[in-house]
N, C-alpha and C. Protein backbone atom coordinates (compact mmCIF):
# COMPACT_ATOMS: atom_id res chain seq x y z
N MET A 1 217.24 235.67 179.63
CA MET A 1 216.01 236.85 179.02
C MET A 1 215.33 236.00 177.28
N ASN A 2 214.25 235.11 177.40
CA ASN A 2 215.00 234.18 175.77
C ASN A 2 214.72 235.64 174.89
N SER A 3 213.96 235.10 174.32
CA SER A 3 213.98 236.60 172.21
C SER A 3 212.41 236.15 171.93
N ARG A 4 211.78 235.48 172.21
CA ARG A 4 210.15 236.41 172.14
C ARG A 4 210.19 237.32 173.99
N LYS A 5 210.63 237.48 174.50
CA LYS A 5 210.33 238.52 176.33
C LYS A 5 211.84 239.33 174.96
N ASP A 6 212.59 239.44 175.41
CA ASP A 6 213.60 240.36 174.37
C ASP A 6 212.55 241.28 172.80
N VAL A 7 212.21 240.81 172.47
CA VAL A 7 211.16 241.25 170.56
C VAL A 7 210.06 242.34 171.77
N LEU A 8 209.22 241.74 172.82
CA LEU A 8 208.28 242.01 173.92
C LEU A 8 208.98 243.28 173.98
N THR A 9 209.72 243.59 174.90
CA THR A 9 210.65 244.52 175.60
C THR A 9 211.12 245.56 174.19
N ALA A 10 211.81 245.49 172.77
CA ALA A 10 211.88 245.57 172.24
C ALA A 10 210.86 247.24 171.94
N GLN A 11 209.31 246.12 171.42
CA GLN A 11 208.15 246.69 170.74
C GLN A 11 207.48 247.57 172.56
N HIS A 12 207.62 247.11 173.09
CA HIS A 12 207.45 248.39 174.85
C HIS A 12 207.97 249.90 174.60
N LEU A 13 209.85 249.25 174.29
CA LEU A 13 210.41 250.86 174.09
C LEU A 13 210.07 251.83 173.06
N GLN A 14 209.47 251.02 171.67
CA GLN A 14 209.63 251.57 170.95
C GLN A 14 208.16 252.41 171.11
N VAL A 15 206.92 251.78 171.20
CA VAL A 15 205.44 252.00 171.60
C VAL A 15 205.91 253.73 172.92
N GLY A 16 207.10 253.41 173.29
CA GLY A 16 207.19 254.02 174.89
C GLY A 16 207.98 254.84 173.84
N LEU A 17 208.56 255.52 173.39
CA LEU A 17 209.16 256.18 172.36
C LEU A 17 207.86 257.25 170.98
N VAL A 18 207.26 256.31 170.90
CA VAL A 18 205.83 257.19 169.95
C VAL A 18 205.66 258.07 170.88
N TYR A 19 204.91 257.04 172.30
CA TYR A 19 204.24 257.84 173.64
C TYR A 19 204.94 259.16 173.33
N LYS A 20 206.01 259.17 173.35
CA LYS A 20 206.31 260.15 173.96
C LYS A 20 207.11 261.69 173.04
N GLU A 21 206.97 261.00 171.73
CA GLU A 21 206.28 262.11 170.66
C GLU A 21 205.00 262.57 170.96
N MET A 22 203.82 261.28 171.02
CA MET A 22 202.80 262.44 171.09
C MET A 22 202.20 262.70 171.82
N LEU A 23 202.47 261.83 173.36
CA LEU A 23 201.55 262.57 173.84
C LEU A 23 203.07 263.29 175.25
N GLY A 24 203.97 263.28 174.93
CA GLY A 24 204.68 263.58 176.34
C GLY A 24 205.97 262.81 177.43
N THR A 25 206.85 263.51 177.68
CA THR A 25 207.51 262.55 178.68
C THR A 25 207.10 261.75 179.46
N SER A 26 205.76 262.18 180.01
CA SER A 26 204.87 261.95 181.48
C SER A 26 204.41 260.10 180.82
N GLU A 27 203.43 260.49 179.67
CA GLU A 27 202.60 260.13 179.76
C GLU A 27 203.29 258.34 179.08
N ALA A 28 204.29 258.25 178.44
CA ALA A 28 205.18 258.07 178.23
C ALA A 28 205.47 257.40 179.08
N GLU A 29 206.82 257.40 180.09
CA GLU A 29 206.94 256.62 181.22
C GLU A 29 206.31 255.40 182.61
N ALA A 30 204.56 256.77 182.13
CA ALA A 30 203.75 255.56 182.90
C ALA A 30 203.04 255.04 182.20
N TYR A 31 203.31 254.81 181.49
CA TYR A 31 203.47 253.78 179.95
C TYR A 31 204.28 252.39 180.30
N LEU A 32 205.47 253.26 179.84
CA LEU A 32 206.50 251.91 180.59
C LEU A 32 206.55 250.98 182.07
N ARG A 33 205.99 252.57 182.79
CA ARG A 33 206.17 251.72 183.83
C ARG A 33 205.08 250.23 184.03
N SER A 34 204.06 251.10 183.39
CA SER A 34 202.65 249.37 183.49
C SER A 34 202.68 248.14 182.78
N VAL A 35 203.25 248.61 181.84
CA VAL A 35 203.76 246.88 181.31
C VAL A 35 205.45 246.20 181.87
N GLY A 36 206.28 247.12 183.12
CA GLY A 36 207.00 246.34 183.44
C GLY A 36 208.83 246.78 183.42
N ILE A 37 208.62 247.97 182.27
CA ILE A 37 209.66 247.84 181.95
C ILE A 37 210.76 248.63 183.07
N ALA A 38 211.67 248.38 183.24
CA ALA A 38 212.73 248.57 184.66
C ALA A 38 212.98 249.93 184.57
N PRO A 39 213.10 250.98 185.76
CA PRO A 39 213.24 252.23 185.86
C PRO A 39 214.41 252.33 184.88
N HIS A 40 215.55 251.95 185.12
CA HIS A 40 217.01 252.36 185.08
C HIS A 40 216.63 253.11 182.54
N LEU A 41 215.53 252.12 183.16
CA LEU A 41 215.70 251.53 180.75
C LEU A 41 214.75 251.86 181.12
N ILE A 42 213.47 253.22 181.90
CA ILE A 42 212.85 254.44 181.24
C ILE A 42 214.00 255.31 181.08
N ASN A 43 214.56 255.67 182.20
CA ASN A 43 215.57 257.15 182.68
C ASN A 43 215.83 257.24 181.07
N ARG A 44 217.08 256.48 181.02
CA ARG A 44 217.96 256.26 180.06
C ARG A 44 217.02 256.25 178.46
N LEU A 45 216.17 255.35 178.10
CA LEU A 45 214.88 256.04 176.77
C LEU A 45 214.56 257.40 176.66
N LEU A 46 214.45 257.56 177.58
CA LEU A 46 213.28 259.45 177.36
C LEU A 46 213.64 259.80 178.48
N TYR A 47 214.82 260.10 179.17
CA TYR A 47 215.07 261.08 179.73
C TYR A 47 216.76 261.75 178.85
N SER A 48 217.40 260.51 178.46
CA SER A 48 218.64 260.22 177.98
C SER A 48 219.25 260.52 177.13
N ASP A 49 220.31 261.08 175.95
CA ASP A 49 220.16 261.07 174.52
C ASP A 49 221.60 259.97 174.12
N ASP A 50 221.48 259.22 176.00
CA ASP A 50 222.19 257.98 175.17
C ASP A 50 221.87 257.15 174.88
N HIS A 51 220.67 257.55 173.91
CA HIS A 51 220.35 256.01 173.58
C HIS A 51 220.45 255.92 172.34
N ARG A 52 220.37 254.34 171.90
CA ARG A 52 220.66 254.19 170.89
C ARG A 52 218.61 254.67 170.02
N GLN A 53 219.10 255.18 169.03
CA GLN A 53 217.73 255.55 168.68
C GLN A 53 216.92 253.82 167.38
N ILE A 54 215.78 253.42 168.16
CA ILE A 54 214.63 252.00 167.49
C ILE A 54 214.48 251.43 166.84
N GLN A 55 214.42 251.90 165.47
CA GLN A 55 214.67 251.67 164.75
C GLN A 55 213.77 250.19 163.19
N GLN A 56 212.37 250.48 162.93
CA GLN A 56 212.54 249.42 163.11
C GLN A 56 211.38 249.41 161.50
N THR A 57 212.23 247.83 160.80
CA THR A 57 211.98 247.58 159.57
C THR A 57 210.88 246.68 158.93
N THR A 58 209.99 246.56 157.72
CA THR A 58 208.66 245.78 158.19
C THR A 58 209.22 244.78 157.67
N THR A 59 210.00 243.70 159.05
CA THR A 59 210.47 242.08 158.92
C THR A 59 210.25 242.15 160.36
N GLY A 60 210.08 244.07 161.64
CA GLY A 60 209.87 243.97 163.31
C GLY A 60 211.53 243.45 163.57
N ARG A 61 213.10 244.21 162.68
CA ARG A 61 213.95 243.30 163.35
C ARG A 61 214.81 244.92 162.79
N PRO A 62 215.55 245.04 163.91
CA PRO A 62 216.57 245.86 163.60
C PRO A 62 217.01 246.83 162.69
N ASN A 63 216.86 247.83 161.70
CA ASN A 63 217.25 248.47 160.65
C ASN A 63 218.79 248.99 161.05
N ASP A 64 219.46 247.52 159.68
CA ASP A 64 220.39 247.46 160.14
C ASP A 64 220.85 248.81 159.04
N ARG A 65 220.98 248.96 157.70
CA ARG A 65 220.96 249.10 156.77
C ARG A 65 222.22 249.74 156.15
N ASN A 66 221.83 248.87 154.33
CA ASN A 66 223.94 249.11 154.23
C ASN A 66 223.20 249.60 152.93
N ASP A 67 224.27 250.74 153.41
CA ASP A 67 224.01 251.53 152.31
C ASP A 67 224.72 251.39 150.50
N ALA A 68 225.66 250.22 150.83
CA ALA A 68 226.51 251.16 149.71
C ALA A 68 226.08 249.46 148.67
N GLY A 69 226.25 249.98 147.54
CA GLY A 69 226.06 250.26 145.82
C GLY A 69 224.39 250.42 146.00
N GLN A 70 223.84 251.33 147.48
CA GLN A 70 222.64 251.94 146.47
C GLN A 70 222.91 253.29 145.88
C-alpha cells in the first residue's frame, strides 16, 4: 500500500470516529463501508476498545506528543 492511500485510509477512519460520536455507530459503519474500508477494520474501530485513539495535529500526522520539558 502506498503512503498516499495510507493517509487517505487514516482520514476515512478519523471521519468514521466523528460520525460515530455525532451520528451513531450505524451511520459510521455505513460511511466506512461506502469508502471501501475493510470489514475487519470497521469492526475493530467501531465495536472494540482494542484500537488506538486516532489523534491528529495540525500537520495531519498522528500526535506523538512529547511532554518532556513542558
